[in-house]
Amino acid sequence: MDMTEASPTELRLSNRQIETIGLVLAGAFVGYGLILWIAANWTDFDRFTRFAIVGSALAGSGALAALSSSLRVPASHVGVLAIGGLMAVVGQEYQSTQSSKFTECFKKFEKPLLSENPAPALLQ
C-alpha cells in the first residue's frame, strides 16, 4: 500500500508510543550530554574523578531503571552509554600490551557474531 493511500488512522501513533519515543530520545540526549561534558572537562579531572563520574552515571541509571518502570527505557540508554564511557576511560587510562589481547579476543568473536547464524561458531 502506498503512503498516499493510507488513511489517517493507520499512520497515527498511540500516546504510549509517542511517550516511549520521547523517553528514548531524552535518555539518549542525557547520555550524549554526559559524554560531551566529560570530554570538555577531561584535562581538569584526575584518574579517580573520571572513573567516579562515569561509574556513578552507570550506577544511577541502573538504580533508576530498577526503581521506576516508566523511566526504565531512557535510564537503560544512559546506562549503555555509560558502559561505553567506562570502557573508553579504562582504555585511555591503562594503555598497555593487554589491550592487544583484548583486541585479539574481540576479533575471535567478531566474525561469528556478525554471521547469519552465530550459534555453531560460538559453541566451539
Protein backbone atom coordinates (compact mmCIF):
# COMPACT_ATOMS: atom_id res chain seq x y z
CA MET A 1 0.00 0.00 0.00
CA ASP A 2 1.32 3.43 -0.95
CA MET A 3 1.68 6.03 1.80
CA THR A 4 -0.63 8.42 -0.06
CA GLU A 5 -3.42 5.83 0.02
CA ALA A 6 -3.20 5.16 3.77
CA SER A 7 -5.95 6.55 5.94
CA PRO A 8 -5.03 8.93 8.78
CA THR A 9 -5.86 6.30 11.40
CA GLU A 10 -3.23 3.92 10.02
CA LEU A 11 -0.44 6.50 10.33
CA ARG A 12 -1.22 7.56 13.89
CA LEU A 13 0.95 6.68 16.82
CA SER A 14 -0.63 5.95 20.15
CA ASN A 15 0.10 8.17 23.13
CA ARG A 16 2.16 5.37 24.67
CA GLN A 17 4.31 5.09 21.53
CA ILE A 18 4.89 8.84 21.44
CA GLU A 19 5.80 8.80 25.13
CA THR A 20 8.23 5.93 24.59
CA ILE A 21 9.88 7.70 21.66
CA GLY A 22 10.22 10.85 23.75
CA LEU A 23 11.72 8.95 26.67
CA VAL A 24 14.21 7.15 24.41
CA LEU A 25 15.30 10.47 22.91
CA ALA A 26 15.55 12.02 26.38
CA GLY A 27 17.77 9.20 27.58
CA ALA A 28 19.96 9.48 24.51
CA PHE A 29 20.32 13.23 24.94
CA VAL A 30 21.20 12.93 28.63
CA GLY A 31 23.82 10.28 27.87
CA TYR A 32 25.24 12.30 25.00
CA GLY A 33 25.34 15.40 27.19
CA LEU A 34 27.26 13.45 29.83
CA ILE A 35 29.78 12.34 27.22
CA LEU A 36 30.23 15.91 25.95
CA TRP A 37 30.59 17.32 29.47
CA ILE A 38 33.26 14.79 30.37
CA ALA A 39 35.07 15.39 27.07
CA ALA A 40 35.06 19.16 27.62
CA ASN A 41 36.48 18.86 31.15
CA TRP A 42 38.71 15.83 30.60
CA THR A 43 42.03 17.52 31.36
CA ASP A 44 40.70 19.01 34.62
CA PHE A 45 39.79 15.61 36.12
CA ASP A 46 42.21 13.26 37.82
CA ARG A 47 42.02 9.50 37.25
CA PHE A 48 39.74 8.75 40.21
CA THR A 49 37.31 11.52 39.30
CA ARG A 50 36.99 10.22 35.74
CA PHE A 51 36.07 6.75 36.96
CA ALA A 52 33.78 8.15 39.66
CA ILE A 53 31.77 10.30 37.26
CA VAL A 54 31.19 7.62 34.67
CA GLY A 55 30.70 4.89 37.29
CA SER A 56 28.14 6.94 39.19
CA ALA A 57 26.27 7.59 35.94
CA LEU A 58 26.15 3.84 35.37
CA ALA A 59 25.06 3.09 38.94
CA GLY A 60 22.48 5.89 38.92
CA SER A 61 20.97 4.81 35.63
CA GLY A 62 20.80 1.21 36.84
CA ALA A 63 19.09 2.24 40.07
CA LEU A 64 16.66 4.47 38.20
CA ALA A 65 15.82 1.70 35.74
CA ALA A 66 15.25 -0.74 38.59
CA LEU A 67 13.08 1.60 40.66
CA SER A 68 10.96 3.34 38.02
CA SER A 69 9.16 1.34 35.37
CA SER A 70 8.22 4.46 33.40
CA LEU A 71 11.86 5.60 33.19
CA ARG A 72 13.35 2.16 32.51
CA VAL A 73 13.92 2.75 28.79
CA PRO A 74 15.71 6.12 28.97
CA ALA A 75 17.70 5.07 32.03
CA SER A 76 18.83 1.97 30.18
CA HIS A 77 20.05 4.10 27.27
CA VAL A 78 22.05 6.28 29.65
CA GLY A 79 23.47 3.10 31.19
CA VAL A 80 24.56 1.73 27.83
CA LEU A 81 26.33 5.00 27.04
CA ALA A 82 27.93 4.97 30.50
CA ILE A 83 29.26 1.45 29.90
CA GLY A 84 30.86 2.69 26.69
CA GLY A 85 32.29 5.61 28.61
CA LEU A 86 33.76 3.30 31.24
CA MET A 87 35.39 1.18 28.55
CA ALA A 88 36.84 4.34 26.97
CA VAL A 89 38.18 5.57 30.33
CA VAL A 90 39.80 2.21 31.08
CA GLY A 91 41.30 2.09 27.60
CA GLN A 92 42.77 5.57 27.90
CA GLU A 93 43.99 5.32 31.48
CA TYR A 94 45.58 1.88 31.30
CA GLN A 95 47.21 1.60 27.91
CA SER A 96 49.36 -1.48 27.79
CA THR A 97 50.07 -4.60 25.80
CA GLN A 98 46.99 -6.10 27.46
CA SER A 99 44.83 -4.03 25.13
CA SER A 100 46.17 -6.04 22.21
CA LYS A 101 44.97 -9.21 23.95
CA PHE A 102 41.53 -7.63 24.26
CA THR A 103 41.60 -6.83 20.54
CA GLU A 104 42.53 -10.43 19.73
CA CYS A 105 39.67 -11.69 21.89
CA PHE A 106 37.25 -9.33 20.16
CA LYS A 107 38.42 -10.45 16.72
CA LYS A 108 37.82 -14.06 17.72
CA PHE A 109 34.14 -13.31 18.39
CA GLU A 110 33.63 -10.62 15.76
CA LYS A 111 33.21 -12.90 12.77
CA PRO A 112 30.82 -15.41 14.41
CA LEU A 113 28.67 -12.65 15.87
CA LEU A 114 28.34 -10.91 12.52
CA SER A 115 27.47 -14.10 10.67
CA GLU A 116 23.89 -15.09 9.92
CA ASN A 117 23.84 -17.97 12.43
CA PRO A 118 26.44 -17.35 15.16
CA ALA A 119 25.45 -20.22 17.48
CA PRO A 120 27.61 -23.03 15.97
CA ALA A 121 30.75 -20.90 15.89
CA LEU A 122 30.31 -19.68 19.47
CA LEU A 123 29.77 -23.21 20.82
CA GLN A 124 33.13 -24.46 19.55
